[in-house]
Amino acid sequence: MSSNPQGSQVAAADDASAQVVSLYQAQKKIYARAVSGWFATWRWALVWLTQLLFYCLPWFDWGNRQIVLFDLGARRFYIFGLVLYPQDFIYLTALLLISAYALFLFTAVAGRLWCGYACPQTVYTEIFMWIERKFEGDRAARMKLDAGPWTLEKLWRKGGKQAAWIALALWTGFTFVGYFTPIKTLTLEVAGLALGPWELFWVLFYGLATYGFAGHMREQVCKYMCPYARFQSAMFDKDTLIISYDAERGEPRGARGKKADPKALGLGSCIDCNLCVHVCPTGIDIRKGLQYECIGCAACIDVCNGVMDKMGYAPGLIRYDTQNGLQQHLSKTQLLRRLFRPRVLVYTAILFIICAALLVSLLMRTPFKVDVVRDRASLARLVEDGYIENVYRLQVMNATEVGHHFTITASGLPGLTLSRSMAVDVAPAEGRWVSVALRLPPESAAKAGTGAHEIHFRIERRGPAGASPDYTIEEKSTFVVPR
């Protein structure tokens, strides 16, 4: 049997040139170490503040209802003393604008403050990591536990952590749904195993999202899913305060004894302990400069300041600083002066204007709303004595939590009258549809001519004696005179 050396060489060359292309980059598990310090205290303060508000707010009442409730079925949104309708969508727009410009302002001043301290992903990851440490220990203990074989101790530690994560995630989903279904009613439904299909779906969906994002995906959400990491560089400039490593002071880095003189050894202040990497929740090395993965949590500042204190060095090897500050050795006073640059002033002015406009709008908001809809069955019709009649449907929405009495009149054409006197009682925070027929005498119709003519409905709120002053709303519509 003869061999083919040339064919074997070609096959070997093809095998050597073949490459396996992965569709994703393999990720090394990050074991973030616990850290304490000034910035960690602030971060935990915001964790407590945001979560106390989120978990506790739906349990408080305002009068005879939940203090914050988004009743999608009734299309009512209750926020403290406010009753909002879908027609108040402008307020949501204002809130979104405020959130956007606040994000622009904070980012221009001090980088990713939102990400590092108040973003839900950061907050819940911090809570889930705290639970993980309680069951599995700190960084070294967790690494040892994961590397070791499955034992009874490992099983209960891993299982206990997962059980606590699932319980917290489900409680979070339950609380979230409690803002849309009264939470006390929701509690009774859960206790009686009578949750509706949509309520059950959203409890599980939001719970699963919390469990997956904060428990398992963690830094992957910040690095790959969140768009903010990608466009933050467009919002930074050389006077933005960012977490910075002072390479001029820290390099060359190297290990040394506590009593050693770094200058005599030709070393900088960095002892190359790598603790700044170990505490980073996204696993980056801040000594390599600003990276998009950095969420601005300042854990590296806290741990580095602790190391500097133990070594007897001045703190601030890693600190909040600006690119200009590092290059030009600016003082804190000079840094603060540079914060008030045109970009920051513009963002501040726009934010102030939107907040002021929203506040004024809420203070001047009328306590009821009216929508006018023409009857689609017929534009106009002739009734007795040659009168022309147009029919409308008016929705009167009471935006207060007290019942009110309303009267309806119309004007705009000579002789225009209502077919009957219109008086409407509307219950608290309710809306009522009312059919209104307007009539125009034949001589006025002849004088006005055929076509559509502008008219005005006047809706007046008349409260009981001693109540707040009456309010009046005018709504425009048209009256059609046929040929």
Protein backbone atom coordinates (compact mmCIF):
# COMPACT_ATOMS: atom_id res chain seq x y z
CA MET A 1 0.00 0.00 0.00
CA SER A 2 1.64 3.24 -1.12
CA SER A 3 1.61 6.47 0.92
CA ASN A 4 1.19 10.05 -0.34
CA PRO A 5 3.63 12.33 1.55
CA GLN A 6 2.56 15.44 -0.38
CA GLY A 7 -1.12 14.92 0.51
CA SER A 8 -0.24 14.41 4.17
CA GLN A 9 1.70 17.68 4.21
CA VAL A 10 -1.25 19.60 2.71
CA ALA A 11 -3.67 18.11 5.26
CA ALA A 12 -1.29 19.01 8.10
CA ALA A 13 -1.01 22.57 6.78
CA ASP A 14 -4.82 22.86 6.59
CA ASP A 15 -5.11 21.62 10.19
CA ALA A 16 -2.48 24.12 11.37
CA SER A 17 -4.24 27.06 9.69
CA ALA A 18 -7.68 26.11 11.02
CA GLN A 19 -8.88 28.32 13.89
CA VAL A 20 -11.81 27.99 16.24
CA VAL A 21 -13.62 31.33 16.46
CA SER A 22 -15.69 31.76 19.61
CA LEU A 23 -18.89 33.75 19.41
CA TYR A 24 -18.22 35.28 22.81
CA GLN A 25 -15.25 36.05 25.01
CA ALA A 26 -14.75 33.66 27.89
CA GLN A 27 -15.21 35.45 31.19
CA LYS A 28 -13.22 34.80 34.31
CA LYS A 29 -15.34 34.80 37.46
CA ILE A 30 -14.78 37.90 39.58
CA TYR A 31 -14.42 37.45 43.33
CA ALA A 32 -14.81 40.98 44.65
CA ARG A 33 -13.35 41.53 48.10
CA ALA A 34 -15.28 43.37 50.81
CA VAL A 35 -14.11 46.92 51.45
CA SER A 36 -14.81 49.58 54.05
CA GLY A 37 -14.19 53.29 53.93
CA TRP A 38 -15.73 56.69 53.36
CA PHE A 39 -17.11 55.96 49.89
CA ALA A 40 -18.33 52.48 50.88
CA THR A 41 -20.29 54.09 53.73
CA TRP A 42 -21.95 56.48 51.29
CA ARG A 43 -22.72 53.63 48.92
CA TRP A 44 -24.41 51.62 51.67
CA ALA A 45 -26.29 54.70 52.87
CA LEU A 46 -27.84 55.01 49.41
CA VAL A 47 -28.57 51.27 49.34
CA TRP A 48 -30.53 51.64 52.57
CA LEU A 49 -32.28 54.82 51.46
CA THR A 50 -33.39 53.54 48.05
CA GLN A 51 -34.49 50.13 49.31
CA LEU A 52 -36.36 51.43 52.34
CA LEU A 53 -38.28 53.70 49.99
CA PHE A 54 -38.93 50.92 47.46
CA TYR A 55 -39.97 48.19 49.92
CA CYS A 56 -41.81 50.33 52.48
CA LEU A 57 -43.56 53.01 50.43
CA PRO A 58 -46.47 50.84 49.17
CA TRP A 59 -47.38 49.87 52.73
CA PHE A 60 -48.22 53.44 53.74
CA ASP A 61 -51.69 54.89 53.20
CA TRP A 62 -52.85 58.32 52.12
CA GLY A 63 -56.40 58.68 53.35
CA ASN A 64 -58.22 55.53 52.31
CA ARG A 65 -55.79 54.40 49.62
CA GLN A 66 -52.18 53.41 49.07
CA ILE A 67 -49.80 56.36 49.09
CA VAL A 68 -48.32 55.46 45.67
CA LEU A 69 -50.47 53.39 43.34
CA PHE A 70 -50.51 53.08 39.55
CA ASP A 71 -53.98 51.72 38.86
CA LEU A 72 -53.71 50.74 35.21
CA GLY A 73 -57.20 49.22 35.08
CA ALA A 74 -58.89 52.44 36.21
CA ARG A 75 -56.26 54.60 34.47
CA ARG A 76 -55.54 56.48 37.67
CA PHE A 77 -52.11 57.20 39.10
CA TYR A 78 -51.99 58.15 42.75
CA ILE A 79 -48.81 59.79 44.07
CA PHE A 80 -49.25 61.14 47.58
CA GLY A 81 -52.01 63.78 47.21
CA LEU A 82 -51.93 63.84 43.40
CA VAL A 83 -54.42 62.02 41.21
CA LEU A 84 -53.08 61.80 37.67
CA TYR A 85 -54.81 60.68 34.47
CA PRO A 86 -53.33 59.49 31.16
CA GLN A 87 -53.89 63.07 29.96
CA ASP A 88 -51.19 64.12 32.47
CA PHE A 89 -48.54 62.35 30.43
CA ILE A 90 -46.67 65.66 30.20
CA TYR A 91 -45.56 65.21 33.83
CA LEU A 92 -43.93 61.89 32.98
CA THR A 93 -42.16 63.60 30.10
CA ALA A 94 -40.91 66.29 32.50
CA LEU A 95 -39.65 63.64 34.94
CA LEU A 96 -37.78 61.85 32.15
CA LEU A 97 -36.19 65.13 31.06
CA ILE A 98 -35.19 65.90 34.64
CA SER A 99 -33.66 62.43 34.98
CA ALA A 100 -31.77 62.79 31.69
CA TYR A 101 -30.34 66.25 32.42
CA ALA A 102 -29.50 65.26 36.00
CA LEU A 103 -27.56 62.32 34.58
CA PHE A 104 -25.77 64.63 32.11
CA LEU A 105 -24.95 67.08 34.92
CA PHE A 106 -23.64 64.49 37.38
CA THR A 107 -21.60 62.80 34.65
CA ALA A 108 -20.04 66.07 33.50
CA VAL A 109 -19.12 66.95 37.09
CA ALA A 110 -17.99 63.61 38.56
CA GLY A 111 -18.35 60.77 36.08
CA ARG A 112 -20.51 57.74 36.73
CA LEU A 113 -21.95 58.77 40.11
CA TRP A 114 -25.31 57.23 39.22
CA CYS A 115 -23.73 53.90 38.29
CA GLY A 116 -21.53 53.71 41.36
CA TYR A 117 -24.04 54.65 44.03
CA ALA A 118 -27.71 54.57 43.02
CA CYS A 119 -28.21 52.44 39.88
CA PRO A 120 -30.53 49.48 40.69
CA GLN A 121 -27.99 47.10 39.16
CA THR A 122 -25.29 48.38 41.54
CA VAL A 123 -27.63 48.46 44.54
CA TYR A 124 -28.97 44.92 44.13
CA THR A 125 -25.54 43.55 43.23
CA GLU A 126 -24.23 45.04 46.47
CA ILE A 127 -27.04 43.38 48.45
CA PHE A 128 -26.59 40.01 46.72
CA MET A 129 -22.83 40.13 47.28
CA TRP A 130 -23.39 40.89 50.96
CA ILE A 131 -25.61 37.78 51.21
CA GLU A 132 -22.96 35.78 49.37
CA ARG A 133 -20.29 36.83 51.86
CA LYS A 134 -22.50 35.89 54.79
CA PHE A 135 -22.85 32.33 53.48
CA GLU A 136 -19.53 31.73 51.72
CA GLY A 137 -17.10 34.20 53.30
CA ASP A 138 -14.92 36.86 51.73
CA ARG A 139 -12.85 36.60 48.55
CA ALA A 140 -10.29 33.98 49.59
CA ALA A 141 -12.90 31.78 51.28
CA ARG A 142 -15.17 31.87 48.22
CA MET A 143 -12.34 30.98 45.87
CA LYS A 144 -11.33 28.08 48.10
CA LEU A 145 -14.95 26.91 48.38
CA ASP A 146 -15.45 26.97 44.59
CA ALA A 147 -12.18 25.14 43.94
CA GLY A 148 -12.89 22.42 46.52
CA PRO A 149 -14.99 19.27 46.08
CA TRP A 150 -18.70 19.12 46.84
CA THR A 151 -19.15 18.41 50.54
CA LEU A 152 -22.08 18.78 52.92
CA GLU A 153 -20.73 22.15 54.06
CA LYS A 154 -20.35 23.40 50.49
CA LEU A 155 -23.85 22.19 49.66
CA TRP A 156 -25.54 24.02 52.53
CA ARG A 157 -23.51 27.19 51.98
CA LYS A 158 -24.27 27.27 48.24
CA GLY A 159 -27.87 26.17 48.77
CA GLY A 160 -28.43 28.67 51.57
CA LYS A 161 -27.11 31.49 49.41
CA GLN A 162 -29.35 30.52 46.49
CA ALA A 163 -32.39 30.23 48.77
CA ALA A 164 -31.74 33.70 50.22
CA TRP A 165 -31.23 35.14 46.73
CA ILE A 166 -34.48 33.62 45.46
CA ALA A 167 -36.42 34.83 48.52
CA LEU A 168 -35.12 38.39 48.10
CA ALA A 169 -35.78 38.33 44.33
CA LEU A 170 -39.37 37.14 44.80
CA TRP A 171 -39.97 39.73 47.52
CA THR A 172 -38.65 42.37 45.12
CA GLY A 173 -40.99 41.17 42.37
CA PHE A 174 -43.90 41.12 44.83
CA THR A 175 -43.14 44.69 45.93
CA PHE A 176 -42.87 45.86 42.32
CA VAL A 177 -46.32 44.46 41.49
CA GLY A 178 -47.57 46.05 44.74
CA TYR A 179 -47.23 49.45 43.09
CA PHE A 180 -49.82 48.44 40.46
CA THR A 181 -52.12 46.22 42.53
CA PRO A 182 -52.79 47.43 46.10
CA ILE A 183 -50.13 45.61 48.09
CA LYS A 184 -52.46 44.62 50.93
CA THR A 185 -54.86 43.07 48.45
CA LEU A 186 -51.89 41.39 46.76
CA THR A 187 -50.78 39.96 50.12
CA LEU A 188 -54.20 38.37 50.68
CA GLU A 189 -54.12 36.93 47.15
CA VAL A 190 -50.67 35.41 47.75
CA ALA A 191 -51.76 34.01 51.11
CA GLY A 192 -54.84 32.46 49.52
CA LEU A 193 -52.92 31.25 46.44
CA ALA A 194 -55.29 33.33 44.31
CA LEU A 195 -52.89 35.49 42.31
CA GLY A 196 -54.15 36.51 38.89
CA PRO A 197 -52.18 35.27 35.85
CA TRP A 198 -50.71 38.68 35.03
CA GLU A 199 -49.80 39.42 38.64
CA LEU A 200 -48.09 36.03 38.94
CA PHE A 201 -46.26 36.61 35.65
CA TRP A 202 -44.85 39.98 36.69
CA VAL A 203 -43.88 38.83 40.17
CA LEU A 204 -41.91 35.95 38.64
CA PHE A 205 -40.55 38.01 35.74
CA TYR A 206 -39.27 40.86 37.91
CA GLY A 207 -37.99 38.39 40.51
CA LEU A 208 -36.14 36.37 37.86
CA ALA A 209 -34.63 39.55 36.39
CA THR A 210 -33.40 40.62 39.83
CA TYR A 211 -32.00 37.15 40.57
CA GLY A 212 -30.28 36.85 37.20
CA PHE A 213 -28.86 40.37 36.92
CA ALA A 214 -27.70 40.86 40.52
CA GLY A 215 -26.85 37.26 41.37
CA HIS A 216 -25.20 35.92 38.25
CA MET A 217 -24.66 38.45 35.47
CA ARG A 218 -23.48 41.33 37.66
CA GLU A 219 -20.62 43.12 35.87
CA GLN A 220 -21.78 41.69 32.51
CA VAL A 221 -24.84 43.96 32.69
CA CYS A 222 -22.66 47.02 33.29
CA LYS A 223 -20.07 46.12 30.67
CA TYR A 224 -22.20 44.81 27.81
CA MET A 225 -25.91 45.41 28.35
CA CYS A 226 -25.98 48.95 29.71
CA PRO A 227 -25.54 51.55 26.93
CA TYR A 228 -24.24 54.14 29.39
CA ALA A 229 -20.84 52.43 29.48
CA ARG A 230 -20.51 52.97 25.74
CA PHE A 231 -21.41 56.64 25.43
CA GLN A 232 -20.02 57.95 28.73
CA SER A 233 -16.84 59.10 26.99
CA ALA A 234 -18.89 61.60 24.99
CA MET A 235 -20.06 63.15 28.29
CA PHE A 236 -16.60 63.39 29.87
CA ASP A 237 -13.99 66.08 29.31
CA LYS A 238 -10.57 66.80 30.81
CA ASP A 239 -12.17 68.63 33.77
CA THR A 240 -14.53 65.80 34.76
CA LEU A 241 -13.76 64.30 38.16
CA ILE A 242 -13.02 60.62 37.58
CA ILE A 243 -11.40 57.88 39.66
CA SER A 244 -7.74 58.26 38.77
CA TYR A 245 -4.48 56.57 39.63
CA ASP A 246 -1.60 59.01 40.15
CA ALA A 247 1.03 57.22 38.07
CA GLU A 248 3.60 59.96 38.65
CA ARG A 249 3.46 59.30 42.36
CA GLY A 250 2.83 55.55 42.26
CA GLU A 251 5.35 54.34 39.66
CA PRO A 252 7.52 52.41 39.59
CA ARG A 253 5.49 50.12 41.78
CA GLY A 254 6.90 47.28 43.84
CA ALA A 255 6.70 45.39 47.11
CA ARG A 256 8.65 46.65 50.10
CA GLY A 257 8.66 46.52 53.87
CA LYS A 258 6.68 48.98 55.93
CA LYS A 259 9.83 50.65 57.28
CA ALA A 260 11.63 50.76 53.93
CA ASP A 261 12.33 54.09 52.26
CA PRO A 262 10.70 53.94 48.77
CA LYS A 263 12.98 56.70 47.43
CA ALA A 264 16.07 54.76 48.45
CA LEU A 265 14.67 51.72 46.66
CA GLY A 266 13.74 53.75 43.61
CA LEU A 267 10.06 52.93 44.02
CA GLY A 268 6.84 54.91 43.99
CA SER A 269 4.04 54.78 46.53
CA CYS A 270 2.24 51.80 44.95
CA ILE A 271 3.28 48.59 46.73
CA ASP A 272 1.69 46.46 43.98
CA CYS A 273 -0.62 44.66 46.42
CA ASN A 274 -3.37 44.36 43.75
CA LEU A 275 -6.08 45.07 46.35
CA CYS A 276 -7.51 47.74 44.04
CA VAL A 277 -8.15 44.94 41.52
CA HIS A 278 -9.51 42.52 44.13
CA VAL A 279 -12.20 44.94 45.38
CA CYS A 280 -13.31 46.07 41.89
CA PRO A 281 -16.78 44.67 41.07
CA THR A 282 -15.96 44.71 37.34
CA GLY A 283 -12.45 43.25 37.77
CA ILE A 284 -10.45 46.05 36.14
CA ASP A 285 -7.07 47.46 37.14
CA ILE A 286 -7.52 51.20 37.66
CA ARG A 287 -3.74 51.65 37.35
CA LYS A 288 -4.12 51.13 33.60
CA GLY A 289 -6.09 54.38 33.33
CA LEU A 290 -9.76 55.16 32.74
CA GLN A 291 -11.68 52.21 31.26
CA TYR A 292 -15.27 52.04 30.13
CA GLU A 293 -15.89 49.13 32.55
CA CYS A 294 -15.28 51.40 35.57
CA ILE A 295 -18.64 52.14 37.24
CA GLY A 296 -17.23 54.78 39.60
CA CYS A 297 -17.98 52.92 42.83
CA ALA A 298 -14.70 54.19 44.42
CA ALA A 299 -14.01 50.84 46.13
CA CYS A 300 -10.41 51.08 44.89
CA ILE A 301 -10.05 54.50 46.56
CA ASP A 302 -11.17 53.16 49.93
CA VAL A 303 -8.91 50.11 49.87
CA CYS A 304 -5.89 52.04 48.56
CA ASN A 305 -6.29 54.72 51.23
CA GLY A 306 -6.34 51.95 53.82
CA VAL A 307 -3.08 50.54 52.45
CA MET A 308 -1.46 53.98 52.34
CA ASP A 309 -2.48 54.54 55.96
CA LYS A 310 -0.90 51.24 57.05
CA MET A 311 2.29 52.04 55.15
CA GLY A 312 2.46 55.54 56.62
CA TYR A 313 2.08 57.22 53.20
CA ALA A 314 -0.20 60.10 52.31
CA PRO A 315 -3.64 59.04 51.04
CA GLY A 316 -4.88 59.79 47.53
CA LEU A 317 -2.72 57.58 45.36
CA ILE A 318 -6.07 56.61 43.81
CA ARG A 319 -8.54 59.47 44.11
CA TYR A 320 -11.20 61.54 42.38
CA ASP A 321 -9.26 63.84 40.08
CA THR A 322 -9.40 65.25 36.55
CA GLN A 323 -7.08 64.71 33.61
CA ASN A 324 -6.06 68.36 33.78
CA GLY A 325 -5.64 68.07 37.52
CA LEU A 326 -3.21 65.17 37.21
CA GLN A 327 -1.25 66.72 34.35
CA GLN A 328 -1.08 70.28 35.75
CA HIS A 329 -0.95 69.36 39.47
CA LEU A 330 -3.99 71.48 40.26
CA SER A 331 -5.02 72.12 43.84
CA LYS A 332 -8.48 71.25 45.18
CA THR A 333 -9.50 74.91 44.94
CA GLN A 334 -8.45 75.04 41.28
CA LEU A 335 -10.31 71.81 40.57
CA LEU A 336 -13.51 73.20 42.09
CA ARG A 337 -13.22 76.38 40.05
CA ARG A 338 -12.92 74.38 36.85
CA LEU A 339 -16.11 72.46 37.70
CA PHE A 340 -18.19 75.55 36.89
CA ARG A 341 -17.48 75.44 33.17
CA PRO A 342 -20.01 76.21 30.37
CA ARG A 343 -21.22 72.62 29.96
CA VAL A 344 -22.02 72.29 33.66
CA LEU A 345 -23.69 75.70 33.81
CA VAL A 346 -25.88 74.91 30.78
CA TYR A 347 -26.99 71.57 32.23
CA THR A 348 -27.70 73.23 35.59
CA ALA A 349 -29.74 76.02 34.00
CA ILE A 350 -31.82 73.63 31.89
CA LEU A 351 -32.40 71.36 34.88
CA PHE A 352 -33.49 74.29 37.04
CA ILE A 353 -35.88 75.59 34.36
CA ILE A 354 -37.54 72.17 33.88
CA CYS A 355 -37.86 71.61 37.65
CA ALA A 356 -39.32 75.09 38.14
CA ALA A 357 -41.77 74.62 35.25
CA LEU A 358 -42.89 71.25 36.66
CA LEU A 359 -43.40 72.71 40.14
CA VAL A 360 -45.36 75.70 38.83
CA SER A 361 -47.48 73.43 36.64
CA LEU A 362 -48.33 71.18 39.60
CA LEU A 363 -49.19 74.16 41.81
CA MET A 364 -51.42 75.69 39.12
CA ARG A 365 -52.95 72.38 38.07
CA THR A 366 -56.74 72.49 37.82
CA PRO A 367 -58.60 70.00 40.02
CA PHE A 368 -60.56 68.49 37.14
CA LYS A 369 -60.23 67.79 33.43
CA VAL A 370 -62.66 67.70 30.52
CA ASP A 371 -62.52 65.95 27.16
CA VAL A 372 -65.04 66.81 24.43
CA VAL A 373 -65.88 64.20 21.78
CA ARG A 374 -68.42 64.74 18.99
CA ASP A 375 -71.09 62.11 18.51
CA ARG A 376 -69.91 59.93 15.64
CA ALA A 377 -73.41 58.77 14.71
CA SER A 378 -74.38 62.07 13.07
CA LEU A 379 -72.74 65.45 12.69
CA ALA A 380 -76.00 67.38 12.81
CA ARG A 381 -79.73 66.74 12.68
CA LEU A 382 -83.01 68.67 12.43
CA VAL A 383 -85.38 68.48 15.40
CA GLU A 384 -88.72 70.09 16.19
CA ASP A 385 -89.43 73.67 15.05
CA GLY A 386 -86.51 73.59 12.61
CA TYR A 387 -83.84 73.62 15.32
CA ILE A 388 -80.45 72.13 14.42
CA GLU A 389 -79.00 69.80 17.00
CA ASN A 390 -75.41 68.58 17.51
CA VAL A 391 -74.66 65.92 20.09
CA TYR A 392 -71.41 65.68 22.08
CA ARG A 393 -69.96 63.46 24.74
CA LEU A 394 -68.07 65.15 27.54
CA GLN A 395 -65.82 63.27 29.94
CA VAL A 396 -65.54 65.13 33.23
CA MET A 397 -62.64 63.79 35.31
CA ASN A 398 -62.38 64.70 38.97
CA ALA A 399 -58.67 64.94 39.86
CA THR A 400 -59.32 65.33 43.59
CA GLU A 401 -60.31 62.83 46.24
CA VAL A 402 -63.50 64.71 47.14
CA GLY A 403 -66.78 64.46 45.21
CA HIS A 404 -67.80 67.61 43.29
CA HIS A 405 -70.79 69.12 41.51
CA PHE A 406 -70.28 70.47 37.97
CA THR A 407 -72.46 72.58 35.66
CA ILE A 408 -72.09 72.71 31.86
CA THR A 409 -72.95 75.62 29.58
CA ALA A 410 -72.08 76.48 25.96
CA SER A 411 -71.47 79.67 23.96
CA GLY A 412 -70.12 80.82 20.63
CA LEU A 413 -73.24 81.26 18.44
CA PRO A 414 -76.25 83.52 19.03
CA GLY A 415 -79.20 81.54 20.44
CA LEU A 416 -77.12 78.41 21.13
CA THR A 417 -78.67 76.49 24.02
CA LEU A 418 -78.49 73.13 25.72
CA SER A 419 -81.44 70.85 25.14
CA ARG A 420 -81.69 70.47 28.92
CA SER A 421 -79.96 71.88 31.97
CA MET A 422 -76.72 70.01 32.62
CA ALA A 423 -75.58 69.34 36.19
CA VAL A 424 -73.18 66.50 36.93
CA ASP A 425 -71.96 64.95 40.18
CA VAL A 426 -68.60 63.21 39.91
CA ALA A 427 -67.27 60.94 42.64
CA PRO A 428 -63.74 61.34 44.09
CA ALA A 429 -60.96 60.51 41.62
CA GLU A 430 -63.49 59.32 39.07
CA GLY A 431 -64.47 60.26 35.54
CA ARG A 432 -67.96 60.45 34.11
CA TRP A 433 -69.18 60.56 30.51
CA VAL A 434 -72.07 62.95 29.88
CA SER A 435 -74.15 63.28 26.71
CA VAL A 436 -74.79 66.96 25.81
CA ALA A 437 -77.12 68.09 23.01
CA LEU A 438 -76.74 71.66 21.69
CA ARG A 439 -79.52 73.33 19.68
CA LEU A 440 -79.44 76.32 17.36
CA PRO A 441 -82.63 78.10 16.21
CA PRO A 442 -83.21 78.25 12.42
CA GLU A 443 -82.78 82.03 12.15
CA SER A 444 -79.37 81.86 13.91
CA ALA A 445 -78.36 78.96 11.69
CA ALA A 446 -79.30 80.91 8.56
CA LYS A 447 -77.34 83.90 9.82
CA ALA A 448 -74.27 81.80 10.68
CA GLY A 449 -74.29 79.94 7.36
CA THR A 450 -73.49 76.34 6.60
CA GLY A 451 -70.30 74.64 7.79
CA ALA A 452 -68.48 74.18 11.10
CA HIS A 453 -68.49 77.04 13.61
CA GLU A 454 -66.33 77.34 16.70
CA ILE A 455 -68.09 77.04 20.04
CA HIS A 456 -66.95 76.79 23.66
CA PHE A 457 -68.09 74.54 26.47
CA ARG A 458 -67.83 76.04 29.94
CA ILE A 459 -67.57 73.53 32.79
CA GLU A 460 -67.73 74.99 36.27
CA ARG A 461 -67.02 73.29 39.55
CA ARG A 462 -69.30 74.39 42.36
CA GLY A 463 -68.31 73.02 45.73
CA PRO A 464 -70.26 73.24 48.97
CA ALA A 465 -70.19 76.35 51.10
CA GLY A 466 -66.82 76.95 52.72
CA ALA A 467 -64.97 74.86 50.12
CA SER A 468 -62.11 76.09 47.98
CA PRO A 469 -62.95 78.68 45.27
CA ASP A 470 -64.73 77.44 42.16
CA TYR A 471 -62.75 76.45 39.10
CA THR A 472 -63.78 76.86 35.49
CA ILE A 473 -62.55 75.12 32.36
CA GLU A 474 -63.38 76.10 28.78
CA GLU A 475 -63.05 73.52 26.01
CA LYS A 476 -63.27 74.32 22.30
CA SER A 477 -65.31 72.37 19.79
CA THR A 478 -67.32 72.97 16.59
CA PHE A 479 -71.03 73.21 15.78
CA VAL A 480 -72.01 71.96 12.32
CA VAL A 481 -74.79 73.66 10.35
CA PRO A 482 -75.84 71.39 7.47
CA ARG A 483 -76.79 72.58 3.98
